[in-house]
Amino acid sequence: MRALIIGTGPSLTPQAIDLINQSKLLKFGCNLAYRVVNLDVLYCNNKEFWTHYRDELAALDCAKWTYCEEVAQEHGAKYIQGIWAPGLSADPNVLHWGHGSGYELMGIAYHYGVTEFVLIGYDLRFPAGYDGIKQVTGGDRHFFGEYPPELQHWTKFNMGGNGELNGLLDCYRTINTSDLGLRIVNCSPGTALDFFEVGELAEWV
């Protein structure tokens, strides 16, 4: 089964959003992706995120997932146990952590039976000149602009010479597509996550 897996990197442009919203594929998104896409499934891994965006999240009609039991009880989200382990979990009751909602969202999608992952907004690279405080929508590491300070993670941490997020990329490298029977196509132009297949979004939606 093919599905759209939607991150919040700057490759999530208005043009990409139009293509996504016209698609009949299942739509899995993380964090603020729900603001621009009518998602089927949302995953957010940060307790502070759930608190900060409480009212917006409560109004959503999609399936919402968390690995935090406290969040699940307080916000009415679906709970899945999270553990540190490489790759994507084959146990439908377990999610492998990966330092970010984007990685863990792929684990959720896998449990829904997705075998073809079409990624967009998966840049895993800071834009040129990013200084951790820019706030212009579409000009930051996120399409939506920078998060409030209490929600910022990985800002300039373990960053490569071209802005790539090396620590996060190492997590993605543990996903063995052959063993899992998966095809992952990253349709995020300029992505640092280029060791999976790279494609054009218009050809995959």
N, C-alpha and C. Protein backbone atom coordinates (compact mmCIF):
# COMPACT_ATOMS: atom_id res chain seq x y z
N MET A 1 0.83 -1.20 0.00
CA MET A 1 0.00 0.00 0.00
C MET A 1 0.87 1.25 0.00
N ARG A 2 0.54 2.16 -0.88
CA ARG A 2 1.28 3.42 -0.96
C ARG A 2 0.59 4.48 -0.10
N ALA A 3 1.39 5.33 0.54
CA ALA A 3 0.83 6.42 1.34
C ALA A 3 1.78 7.61 1.33
N LEU A 4 1.22 8.77 1.57
CA LEU A 4 2.00 9.99 1.69
C LEU A 4 2.43 10.17 3.15
N ILE A 5 3.72 10.41 3.35
CA ILE A 5 4.28 10.58 4.68
C ILE A 5 4.81 12.02 4.73
N ILE A 6 4.17 12.85 5.53
CA ILE A 6 4.35 14.29 5.41
C ILE A 6 5.07 14.87 6.62
N GLY A 7 6.30 15.35 6.38
CA GLY A 7 7.05 16.06 7.39
C GLY A 7 6.79 17.55 7.29
N THR A 8 7.59 18.34 7.99
CA THR A 8 7.34 19.78 8.02
C THR A 8 8.53 20.61 7.54
N GLY A 9 9.45 19.97 6.81
CA GLY A 9 10.60 20.70 6.28
C GLY A 9 10.17 21.67 5.19
N PRO A 10 11.08 22.57 4.79
CA PRO A 10 10.74 23.62 3.81
C PRO A 10 10.37 23.11 2.42
N SER A 11 10.63 21.83 2.12
CA SER A 11 10.18 21.29 0.83
C SER A 11 8.67 21.09 0.81
N LEU A 12 8.02 21.22 1.95
CA LEU A 12 6.56 21.21 2.00
C LEU A 12 6.07 22.59 1.56
N THR A 13 6.11 22.81 0.27
CA THR A 13 5.77 24.11 -0.32
C THR A 13 4.27 24.18 -0.61
N PRO A 14 3.74 25.38 -0.92
CA PRO A 14 2.33 25.47 -1.32
C PRO A 14 1.99 24.57 -2.50
N GLN A 15 2.92 24.44 -3.45
CA GLN A 15 2.69 23.58 -4.61
C GLN A 15 2.58 22.11 -4.19
N ALA A 16 3.47 21.70 -3.29
CA ALA A 16 3.42 20.33 -2.79
C ALA A 16 2.14 20.08 -2.01
N ILE A 17 1.73 21.05 -1.22
CA ILE A 17 0.50 20.92 -0.44
C ILE A 17 -0.71 20.74 -1.34
N ASP A 18 -0.75 21.47 -2.44
CA ASP A 18 -1.85 21.32 -3.40
C ASP A 18 -1.90 19.89 -3.95
N LEU A 19 -0.74 19.36 -4.33
CA LEU A 19 -0.68 17.99 -4.86
C LEU A 19 -1.14 16.99 -3.80
N ILE A 20 -0.69 17.18 -2.57
CA ILE A 20 -1.05 16.27 -1.49
C ILE A 20 -2.55 16.27 -1.26
N ASN A 21 -3.14 17.45 -1.19
CA ASN A 21 -4.56 17.55 -0.88
C ASN A 21 -5.45 17.06 -2.02
N GLN A 22 -4.90 17.00 -3.24
CA GLN A 22 -5.65 16.46 -4.37
C GLN A 22 -5.55 14.94 -4.45
N SER A 23 -4.59 14.37 -3.73
CA SER A 23 -4.34 12.93 -3.81
C SER A 23 -5.37 12.14 -3.01
N LYS A 24 -5.66 10.93 -3.47
CA LYS A 24 -6.56 10.02 -2.77
C LYS A 24 -5.80 9.05 -1.86
N LEU A 25 -4.46 9.17 -1.83
CA LEU A 25 -3.66 8.29 -0.98
C LEU A 25 -3.89 8.63 0.49
N LEU A 26 -3.70 7.64 1.36
CA LEU A 26 -3.71 7.90 2.79
C LEU A 26 -2.61 8.90 3.13
N LYS A 27 -2.91 9.77 4.09
CA LYS A 27 -1.99 10.84 4.43
C LYS A 27 -1.61 10.74 5.91
N PHE A 28 -0.33 10.48 6.14
CA PHE A 28 0.23 10.42 7.48
C PHE A 28 1.08 11.68 7.67
N GLY A 29 0.88 12.40 8.77
CA GLY A 29 1.64 13.61 8.99
C GLY A 29 2.14 13.72 10.41
N CYS A 30 3.18 14.51 10.59
CA CYS A 30 3.69 14.74 11.94
C CYS A 30 3.60 16.23 12.28
N ASN A 31 3.46 16.47 13.56
CA ASN A 31 3.48 17.82 14.11
C ASN A 31 2.50 18.75 13.38
N LEU A 32 2.94 19.91 12.90
CA LEU A 32 2.02 20.90 12.36
C LEU A 32 1.53 20.62 10.94
N ALA A 33 1.86 19.48 10.39
CA ALA A 33 1.36 19.14 9.05
C ALA A 33 -0.16 19.21 8.98
N TYR A 34 -0.82 18.99 10.11
CA TYR A 34 -2.29 19.02 10.12
C TYR A 34 -2.85 20.39 9.75
N ARG A 35 -2.04 21.43 9.84
CA ARG A 35 -2.52 22.78 9.53
C ARG A 35 -2.78 22.99 8.04
N VAL A 36 -2.15 22.20 7.22
CA VAL A 36 -2.29 22.42 5.76
C VAL A 36 -2.78 21.19 5.01
N VAL A 37 -2.86 20.04 5.69
CA VAL A 37 -3.29 18.81 5.04
C VAL A 37 -4.39 18.15 5.88
N ASN A 38 -5.40 17.65 5.21
CA ASN A 38 -6.45 16.90 5.89
C ASN A 38 -5.93 15.48 6.13
N LEU A 39 -5.30 15.27 7.26
CA LEU A 39 -4.60 14.03 7.54
C LEU A 39 -5.55 12.90 7.93
N ASP A 40 -5.12 11.69 7.62
CA ASP A 40 -5.77 10.49 8.14
C ASP A 40 -5.18 10.10 9.48
N VAL A 41 -3.86 10.31 9.62
CA VAL A 41 -3.15 9.93 10.83
C VAL A 41 -2.13 11.01 11.17
N LEU A 42 -2.09 11.38 12.47
CA LEU A 42 -1.12 12.36 12.96
C LEU A 42 -0.28 11.72 14.05
N TYR A 43 1.03 12.00 14.04
CA TYR A 43 1.92 11.56 15.12
C TYR A 43 2.73 12.73 15.61
N CYS A 44 2.78 12.90 16.92
CA CYS A 44 3.62 13.94 17.55
C CYS A 44 4.33 13.28 18.72
N ASN A 45 5.65 13.39 18.79
CA ASN A 45 6.38 12.64 19.81
C ASN A 45 6.76 13.48 21.02
N ASN A 46 6.42 14.75 21.03
CA ASN A 46 6.91 15.63 22.08
C ASN A 46 5.77 16.05 23.00
N LYS A 47 5.89 15.75 24.27
CA LYS A 47 4.84 16.07 25.24
C LYS A 47 4.54 17.57 25.25
N GLU A 48 5.60 18.39 25.17
CA GLU A 48 5.41 19.84 25.17
C GLU A 48 4.64 20.32 23.95
N PHE A 49 4.80 19.62 22.83
CA PHE A 49 4.04 19.96 21.62
C PHE A 49 2.54 19.79 21.87
N TRP A 50 2.17 18.67 22.47
CA TRP A 50 0.77 18.40 22.76
C TRP A 50 0.18 19.47 23.68
N THR A 51 0.98 19.93 24.62
CA THR A 51 0.50 20.95 25.55
C THR A 51 0.35 22.29 24.87
N HIS A 52 1.35 22.68 24.07
CA HIS A 52 1.35 24.00 23.43
C HIS A 52 0.21 24.13 22.42
N TYR A 53 -0.05 23.06 21.66
CA TYR A 53 -1.06 23.12 20.61
C TYR A 53 -2.35 22.37 21.01
N ARG A 54 -2.59 22.32 22.28
CA ARG A 54 -3.70 21.55 22.85
C ARG A 54 -5.03 21.78 22.11
N ASP A 55 -5.42 23.03 21.96
CA ASP A 55 -6.74 23.34 21.38
C ASP A 55 -6.83 22.91 19.92
N GLU A 56 -5.76 23.16 19.15
CA GLU A 56 -5.76 22.76 17.74
C GLU A 56 -5.84 21.24 17.61
N LEU A 57 -5.09 20.54 18.43
CA LEU A 57 -5.06 19.08 18.34
C LEU A 57 -6.40 18.48 18.75
N ALA A 58 -7.04 19.08 19.74
CA ALA A 58 -8.33 18.57 20.20
C ALA A 58 -9.40 18.66 19.12
N ALA A 59 -9.25 19.64 18.23
CA ALA A 59 -10.26 19.85 17.19
C ALA A 59 -10.09 18.93 15.99
N LEU A 60 -8.99 18.18 15.92
CA LEU A 60 -8.73 17.34 14.76
C LEU A 60 -9.58 16.08 14.77
N ASP A 61 -9.95 15.64 13.57
CA ASP A 61 -10.81 14.47 13.43
C ASP A 61 -10.04 13.22 13.03
N CYS A 62 -8.74 13.35 12.85
CA CYS A 62 -7.94 12.21 12.39
C CYS A 62 -7.50 11.35 13.58
N ALA A 63 -6.93 10.17 13.28
CA ALA A 63 -6.32 9.34 14.31
C ALA A 63 -5.04 10.03 14.79
N LYS A 64 -4.87 10.12 16.10
CA LYS A 64 -3.71 10.79 16.68
C LYS A 64 -2.95 9.80 17.57
N TRP A 65 -1.63 9.75 17.38
CA TRP A 65 -0.82 8.75 18.08
C TRP A 65 0.28 9.41 18.92
N THR A 66 0.62 8.73 20.02
CA THR A 66 1.70 9.15 20.89
C THR A 66 2.33 7.93 21.55
N TYR A 67 3.59 8.06 21.96
CA TYR A 67 4.21 6.98 22.75
C TYR A 67 4.13 7.29 24.24
N CYS A 68 3.51 8.42 24.62
CA CYS A 68 3.46 8.85 26.01
C CYS A 68 2.08 8.52 26.59
N GLU A 69 2.03 7.67 27.59
CA GLU A 69 0.76 7.28 28.20
C GLU A 69 0.03 8.48 28.79
N GLU A 70 0.78 9.39 29.39
CA GLU A 70 0.16 10.57 29.98
C GLU A 70 -0.53 11.42 28.92
N VAL A 71 0.14 11.60 27.78
CA VAL A 71 -0.45 12.36 26.67
C VAL A 71 -1.70 11.67 26.15
N ALA A 72 -1.62 10.35 25.99
CA ALA A 72 -2.76 9.60 25.48
C ALA A 72 -3.98 9.79 26.37
N GLN A 73 -3.78 9.74 27.68
CA GLN A 73 -4.89 9.89 28.62
C GLN A 73 -5.43 11.31 28.63
N GLU A 74 -4.54 12.28 28.59
CA GLU A 74 -4.95 13.68 28.71
C GLU A 74 -5.58 14.22 27.44
N HIS A 75 -5.09 13.74 26.27
CA HIS A 75 -5.51 14.32 25.00
C HIS A 75 -6.34 13.36 24.14
N GLY A 76 -6.62 12.18 24.65
CA GLY A 76 -7.45 11.25 23.91
C GLY A 76 -6.77 10.67 22.68
N ALA A 77 -5.44 10.58 22.72
CA ALA A 77 -4.69 10.03 21.60
C ALA A 77 -4.53 8.52 21.75
N LYS A 78 -4.20 7.85 20.66
CA LYS A 78 -3.90 6.42 20.70
C LYS A 78 -2.47 6.24 21.23
N TYR A 79 -2.29 5.25 22.07
CA TYR A 79 -0.99 5.01 22.70
C TYR A 79 -0.30 3.81 22.07
N ILE A 80 1.02 3.95 21.88
CA ILE A 80 1.87 2.84 21.47
C ILE A 80 3.16 2.91 22.27
N GLN A 81 3.62 1.78 22.74
CA GLN A 81 4.85 1.73 23.52
C GLN A 81 6.05 2.09 22.65
N GLY A 82 6.93 2.95 23.15
CA GLY A 82 8.14 3.32 22.44
C GLY A 82 9.38 2.75 23.09
N ILE A 83 10.32 2.28 22.28
CA ILE A 83 11.59 1.76 22.79
C ILE A 83 12.72 2.22 21.88
N TRP A 84 13.94 2.24 22.42
CA TRP A 84 15.11 2.52 21.59
C TRP A 84 15.54 1.23 20.90
N ALA A 85 15.47 1.23 19.59
CA ALA A 85 15.90 0.09 18.79
C ALA A 85 16.06 0.57 17.35
N PRO A 86 16.93 -0.07 16.57
CA PRO A 86 17.14 0.36 15.18
C PRO A 86 16.00 -0.05 14.27
N GLY A 87 15.86 0.67 13.16
CA GLY A 87 14.89 0.32 12.13
C GLY A 87 13.46 0.55 12.57
N LEU A 88 12.52 -0.06 11.84
CA LEU A 88 11.10 0.03 12.17
C LEU A 88 10.67 -1.26 12.85
N SER A 89 9.85 -1.14 13.87
CA SER A 89 9.43 -2.30 14.63
C SER A 89 8.45 -3.16 13.85
N ALA A 90 8.68 -4.47 13.85
CA ALA A 90 7.75 -5.41 13.25
C ALA A 90 6.63 -5.80 14.22
N ASP A 91 6.78 -5.42 15.48
CA ASP A 91 5.76 -5.67 16.50
C ASP A 91 4.74 -4.54 16.44
N PRO A 92 3.49 -4.81 16.11
CA PRO A 92 2.50 -3.74 15.96
C PRO A 92 2.18 -3.01 17.25
N ASN A 93 2.64 -3.53 18.37
CA ASN A 93 2.40 -2.88 19.66
C ASN A 93 3.58 -2.03 20.13
N VAL A 94 4.61 -1.94 19.29
CA VAL A 94 5.84 -1.25 19.68
C VAL A 94 6.28 -0.30 18.58
N LEU A 95 6.77 0.86 18.99
CA LEU A 95 7.32 1.87 18.08
C LEU A 95 8.78 2.09 18.42
N HIS A 96 9.64 2.10 17.42
CA HIS A 96 11.05 2.40 17.65
C HIS A 96 11.28 3.90 17.61
N TRP A 97 11.90 4.41 18.68
CA TRP A 97 12.22 5.84 18.73
C TRP A 97 13.33 6.17 17.74
N GLY A 98 13.35 7.44 17.32
CA GLY A 98 14.39 7.87 16.39
C GLY A 98 14.70 9.34 16.47
N HIS A 99 14.57 9.92 17.66
CA HIS A 99 14.95 11.32 17.92
C HIS A 99 14.05 12.34 17.22
N GLY A 100 12.92 11.93 16.67
CA GLY A 100 12.08 12.92 16.01
C GLY A 100 10.77 12.32 15.53
N SER A 101 9.77 13.18 15.40
CA SER A 101 8.45 12.72 14.97
C SER A 101 8.45 12.16 13.55
N GLY A 102 9.28 12.73 12.67
CA GLY A 102 9.31 12.28 11.29
C GLY A 102 9.72 10.82 11.16
N TYR A 103 10.75 10.43 11.88
CA TYR A 103 11.21 9.05 11.85
C TYR A 103 10.15 8.13 12.45
N GLU A 104 9.63 8.51 13.59
CA GLU A 104 8.67 7.66 14.29
C GLU A 104 7.34 7.56 13.55
N LEU A 105 6.97 8.62 12.81
CA LEU A 105 5.78 8.57 11.97
C LEU A 105 5.87 7.43 10.96
N MET A 106 7.06 7.17 10.44
CA MET A 106 7.22 6.08 9.49
C MET A 106 6.92 4.73 10.15
N GLY A 107 7.27 4.60 11.42
CA GLY A 107 6.94 3.39 12.15
C GLY A 107 5.45 3.21 12.33
N ILE A 108 4.75 4.30 12.58
CA ILE A 108 3.29 4.25 12.69
C ILE A 108 2.68 3.83 11.35
N ALA A 109 3.14 4.45 10.27
CA ALA A 109 2.62 4.12 8.94
C ALA A 109 2.87 2.65 8.60
N TYR A 110 4.03 2.14 8.97
CA TYR A 110 4.35 0.73 8.72
C TYR A 110 3.35 -0.18 9.42
N HIS A 111 2.93 0.19 10.64
CA HIS A 111 1.95 -0.61 11.37
C HIS A 111 0.57 -0.56 10.73
N TYR A 112 0.31 0.45 9.92
CA TYR A 112 -0.95 0.53 9.18
C TYR A 112 -0.91 -0.29 7.89
N GLY A 113 0.24 -0.87 7.59
CA GLY A 113 0.35 -1.70 6.40
C GLY A 113 0.95 -1.00 5.20
N VAL A 114 1.51 0.19 5.40
CA VAL A 114 2.12 0.92 4.29
C VAL A 114 3.42 0.22 3.88
N THR A 115 3.57 0.00 2.58
CA THR A 115 4.80 -0.61 2.06
C THR A 115 5.52 0.32 1.08
N GLU A 116 4.82 1.32 0.55
CA GLU A 116 5.44 2.34 -0.30
C GLU A 116 5.29 3.70 0.39
N PHE A 117 6.38 4.21 0.87
CA PHE A 117 6.40 5.48 1.61
C PHE A 117 6.79 6.60 0.65
N VAL A 118 5.91 7.54 0.44
CA VAL A 118 6.22 8.72 -0.38
C VAL A 118 6.44 9.89 0.58
N LEU A 119 7.69 10.29 0.74
CA LEU A 119 8.04 11.31 1.72
C LEU A 119 8.05 12.70 1.10
N ILE A 120 7.53 13.67 1.83
CA ILE A 120 7.64 15.08 1.46
C ILE A 120 7.78 15.88 2.76
N GLY A 121 8.59 16.92 2.71
CA GLY A 121 8.89 17.66 3.93
C GLY A 121 9.96 16.98 4.77
N TYR A 122 10.65 16.01 4.18
CA TYR A 122 11.72 15.28 4.85
C TYR A 122 13.06 15.80 4.34
N ASP A 123 13.39 17.03 4.65
CA ASP A 123 14.62 17.67 4.18
C ASP A 123 15.83 17.20 4.97
N LEU A 124 15.69 17.14 6.30
CA LEU A 124 16.78 16.77 7.21
C LEU A 124 18.04 17.61 6.96
N ARG A 125 17.79 18.85 6.64
CA ARG A 125 18.89 19.77 6.37
C ARG A 125 18.41 21.18 6.74
N PHE A 126 19.26 21.91 7.47
CA PHE A 126 18.94 23.31 7.72
C PHE A 126 19.17 24.12 6.46
N PRO A 127 18.33 25.12 6.19
CA PRO A 127 18.57 25.99 5.04
C PRO A 127 19.88 26.76 5.19
N ALA A 128 20.43 27.20 4.07
CA ALA A 128 21.66 28.01 4.11
C ALA A 128 21.44 29.25 4.96
N GLY A 129 22.36 29.52 5.87
CA GLY A 129 22.27 30.70 6.70
C GLY A 129 21.36 30.56 7.91
N TYR A 130 20.82 29.36 8.14
CA TYR A 130 19.94 29.16 9.29
C TYR A 130 20.70 29.44 10.58
N ASP A 131 20.09 30.26 11.45
CA ASP A 131 20.77 30.61 12.70
C ASP A 131 19.99 30.21 13.94
N GLY A 132 18.89 29.48 13.75
CA GLY A 132 18.13 28.99 14.89
C GLY A 132 17.04 29.93 15.36
N ILE A 133 16.94 31.13 14.78
CA ILE A 133 15.94 32.08 15.26
C ILE A 133 15.08 32.69 14.16
N LYS A 134 15.36 32.37 12.89
CA LYS A 134 14.56 32.94 11.81
C LYS A 134 13.10 32.51 11.94
N GLN A 135 12.18 33.40 11.63
CA GLN A 135 10.78 33.14 11.88
C GLN A 135 9.92 33.23 10.63
N VAL A 136 10.48 33.42 9.46
CA VAL A 136 9.71 33.65 8.24
C VAL A 136 9.18 32.32 7.70
N THR A 137 7.86 32.22 7.52
CA THR A 137 7.28 31.00 7.01
C THR A 137 7.89 30.63 5.66
N GLY A 138 8.32 29.40 5.52
CA GLY A 138 8.91 28.93 4.28
C GLY A 138 10.40 29.21 4.18
N GLY A 139 10.94 29.98 5.12
CA GLY A 139 12.36 30.31 5.05
C GLY A 139 13.18 29.69 6.15
N ASP A 140 12.56 28.83 6.95
CA ASP A 140 13.24 28.21 8.07
C ASP A 140 13.49 26.73 7.82
N ARG A 141 13.86 26.04 8.88
CA ARG A 141 14.01 24.58 8.78
C ARG A 141 12.65 23.90 8.71
N HIS A 142 11.58 24.63 9.03
CA HIS A 142 10.22 24.13 8.91
C HIS A 142 9.41 25.03 7.99
N PHE A 143 8.49 24.45 7.24
CA PHE A 143 7.60 25.22 6.39
C PHE A 143 6.83 26.25 7.21
N PHE A 144 6.52 25.91 8.44
CA PHE A 144 5.68 26.76 9.28
C PHE A 144 6.46 27.81 10.05
N GLY A 145 7.75 27.93 9.82
CA GLY A 145 8.57 28.82 10.63
C GLY A 145 9.10 28.08 11.84
N GLU A 146 9.88 28.74 12.64
CA GLU A 146 10.49 28.10 13.80
C GLU A 146 9.46 27.90 14.92
N TYR A 147 9.63 26.82 15.66
CA TYR A 147 8.79 26.56 16.82
C TYR A 147 9.16 27.53 17.96
N PRO A 148 8.27 27.68 18.93
CA PRO A 148 8.65 28.42 20.14
C PRO A 148 9.88 27.78 20.79
N PRO A 149 10.67 28.55 21.54
CA PRO A 149 11.93 28.02 22.10
C PRO A 149 11.77 26.71 22.87
N GLU A 150 10.68 26.55 23.60
CA GLU A 150 10.52 25.35 24.42
C GLU A 150 10.27 24.10 23.58
N LEU A 151 10.00 24.28 22.29
CA LEU A 151 9.74 23.15 21.41
C LEU A 151 10.87 22.89 20.42
N GLN A 152 11.92 23.66 20.48
CA GLN A 152 13.02 23.53 19.52
C GLN A 152 13.96 22.40 19.93
N HIS A 153 14.23 21.54 18.96
CA HIS A 153 15.15 20.42 19.18
C HIS A 153 16.09 20.32 17.99
N TRP A 154 17.27 19.85 18.23
CA TRP A 154 18.26 19.60 17.19
C TRP A 154 18.75 20.88 16.50
N THR A 155 18.45 22.04 17.05
CA THR A 155 18.93 23.26 16.40
C THR A 155 20.45 23.32 16.45
N LYS A 156 21.04 23.21 15.29
CA LYS A 156 22.49 23.28 15.11
C LYS A 156 23.26 22.19 15.88
N PHE A 157 22.58 21.09 16.22
CA PHE A 157 23.24 20.01 16.94
C PHE A 157 23.70 18.95 15.95
N ASN A 158 24.98 18.61 16.01
CA ASN A 158 25.54 17.58 15.13
C ASN A 158 25.21 17.87 13.67
N MET A 159 25.40 19.13 13.27
CA MET A 159 25.07 19.57 11.93
C MET A 159 26.28 19.43 11.01
N GLY A 160 26.05 18.90 9.80
CA GLY A 160 27.11 18.76 8.83
C GLY A 160 27.44 20.07 8.14
N GLY A 161 28.44 20.04 7.26
CA GLY A 161 28.91 21.25 6.60
C GLY A 161 27.89 21.88 5.67
N ASN A 162 26.93 21.10 5.20
CA ASN A 162 25.87 21.61 4.33
C ASN A 162 24.52 21.65 5.04
N GLY A 163 24.56 21.72 6.36
CA GLY A 163 23.33 21.84 7.14
C GLY A 163 22.63 20.54 7.43
N GLU A 164 23.21 19.41 7.00
CA GLU A 164 22.54 18.13 7.20
C GLU A 164 22.53 17.75 8.69
N LEU A 165 21.43 17.10 9.11
CA LEU A 165 21.25 16.70 10.50
C LEU A 165 21.78 15.28 10.68
N ASN A 166 23.08 15.19 10.97
CA ASN A 166 23.75 13.89 10.95
C ASN A 166 23.18 12.90 11.96
N GLY A 167 22.86 13.37 13.15
CA GLY A 167 22.33 12.47 14.16
C GLY A 167 21.02 11.84 13.75
N LEU A 168 20.14 12.63 13.16
CA LEU A 168 18.87 12.10 12.68
C LEU A 168 19.08 11.18 11.48
N LEU A 169 19.96 11.57 10.58
CA LEU A 169 20.23 10.74 9.41
C LEU A 169 20.73 9.35 9.81
N ASP A 170 21.51 9.28 10.88
CA ASP A 170 22.00 7.98 11.34
C ASP A 170 20.85 7.06 11.74
N CYS A 171 19.79 7.63 12.30
CA CYS A 171 18.62 6.82 12.65
C CYS A 171 17.97 6.24 11.40
N TYR A 172 17.79 7.06 10.38
CA TYR A 172 17.16 6.60 9.15
C TYR A 172 17.98 5.52 8.46
N ARG A 173 19.29 5.57 8.62
CA ARG A 173 20.16 4.57 7.99
C ARG A 173 19.93 3.17 8.56
N THR A 174 19.30 3.07 9.71
CA THR A 174 19.05 1.75 10.30
C THR A 174 17.83 1.07 9.69
N ILE A 175 17.07 1.77 8.84
CA ILE A 175 15.89 1.17 8.21
C ILE A 175 16.34 0.33 7.02
N ASN A 176 16.16 -0.97 7.14
CA ASN A 176 16.54 -1.89 6.07
C ASN A 176 15.31 -2.19 5.22
N THR A 177 15.19 -1.50 4.10
CA THR A 177 13.99 -1.64 3.27
C THR A 177 13.84 -3.05 2.71
N SER A 178 14.93 -3.71 2.40
CA SER A 178 14.86 -5.07 1.84
C SER A 178 14.28 -6.05 2.84
N ASP A 179 14.76 -5.99 4.07
CA ASP A 179 14.28 -6.90 5.11
C ASP A 179 12.81 -6.68 5.41
N LEU A 180 12.38 -5.42 5.33
CA LEU A 180 10.99 -5.08 5.68
C LEU A 180 10.05 -5.14 4.49
N GLY A 181 10.59 -5.30 3.29
CA GLY A 181 9.76 -5.32 2.08
C GLY A 181 9.17 -3.97 1.75
N LEU A 182 9.95 -2.92 1.95
CA LEU A 182 9.46 -1.56 1.77
C LEU A 182 10.13 -0.87 0.58
N ARG A 183 9.43 0.12 0.05
CA ARG A 183 10.01 1.06 -0.90
C ARG A 183 9.81 2.45 -0.33
N ILE A 184 10.88 3.19 -0.18
CA ILE A 184 10.82 4.55 0.36
C ILE A 184 11.30 5.50 -0.72
N VAL A 185 10.44 6.43 -1.10
CA VAL A 185 10.76 7.41 -2.13
C VAL A 185 10.67 8.80 -1.50
N ASN A 186 11.79 9.48 -1.42
CA ASN A 186 11.80 10.82 -0.82
C ASN A 186 11.62 11.86 -1.91
N CYS A 187 10.50 12.58 -1.85
CA CYS A 187 10.17 13.60 -2.85
C CYS A 187 10.39 15.00 -2.30
N SER A 188 11.39 15.14 -1.44
CA SER A 188 11.74 16.43 -0.83
C SER A 188 12.96 16.99 -1.55
N PRO A 189 12.79 17.96 -2.46
CA PRO A 189 13.94 18.48 -3.22
C PRO A 189 15.05 19.00 -2.31
N GLY A 190 16.28 18.65 -2.64
CA GLY A 190 17.42 19.11 -1.87
C GLY A 190 17.63 18.39 -0.56
N THR A 191 16.94 17.27 -0.37
CA THR A 191 17.02 16.56 0.89
C THR A 191 18.41 16.01 1.17
N ALA A 192 18.74 15.93 2.46
CA ALA A 192 19.95 15.22 2.87
C ALA A 192 19.65 13.74 3.06
N LEU A 193 18.37 13.38 3.08
CA LEU A 193 17.95 11.99 3.22
C LEU A 193 17.86 11.38 1.82
N ASP A 194 19.04 11.26 1.19
CA ASP A 194 19.10 10.86 -0.21
C ASP A 194 19.65 9.45 -0.41
N PHE A 195 19.76 8.69 0.69
CA PHE A 195 20.20 7.30 0.52
C PHE A 195 19.02 6.37 0.31
N PHE A 196 17.80 6.90 0.39
CA PHE A 196 16.63 6.21 -0.14
C PHE A 196 16.41 6.68 -1.58
N GLU A 197 15.48 6.06 -2.27
CA GLU A 197 15.14 6.49 -3.61
C GLU A 197 14.63 7.93 -3.58
N VAL A 198 14.99 8.72 -4.57
CA VAL A 198 14.54 10.12 -4.66
C VAL A 198 13.62 10.25 -5.87
N GLY A 199 12.50 10.96 -5.70
CA GLY A 199 11.55 11.09 -6.79
C GLY A 199 10.89 12.45 -6.84
N GLU A 200 10.02 12.63 -7.83
CA GLU A 200 9.23 13.85 -7.98
C GLU A 200 7.83 13.60 -7.42
N LEU A 201 7.39 14.47 -6.55
CA LEU A 201 6.12 14.26 -5.87
C LEU A 201 4.97 14.06 -6.86
N ALA A 202 4.94 14.84 -7.92
CA ALA A 202 3.84 14.76 -8.89
C ALA A 202 3.70 13.37 -9.51
N GLU A 203 4.80 12.61 -9.53
CA GLU A 203 4.76 11.29 -10.13
C GLU A 203 4.31 10.20 -9.15
N TRP A 204 4.15 10.56 -7.88
CA TRP A 204 3.88 9.55 -6.85
C TRP A 204 2.58 9.76 -6.10
N VAL A 205 1.92 10.90 -6.30
CA VAL A 205 0.69 11.15 -5.55
C VAL A 205 -0.52 10.49 -6.21
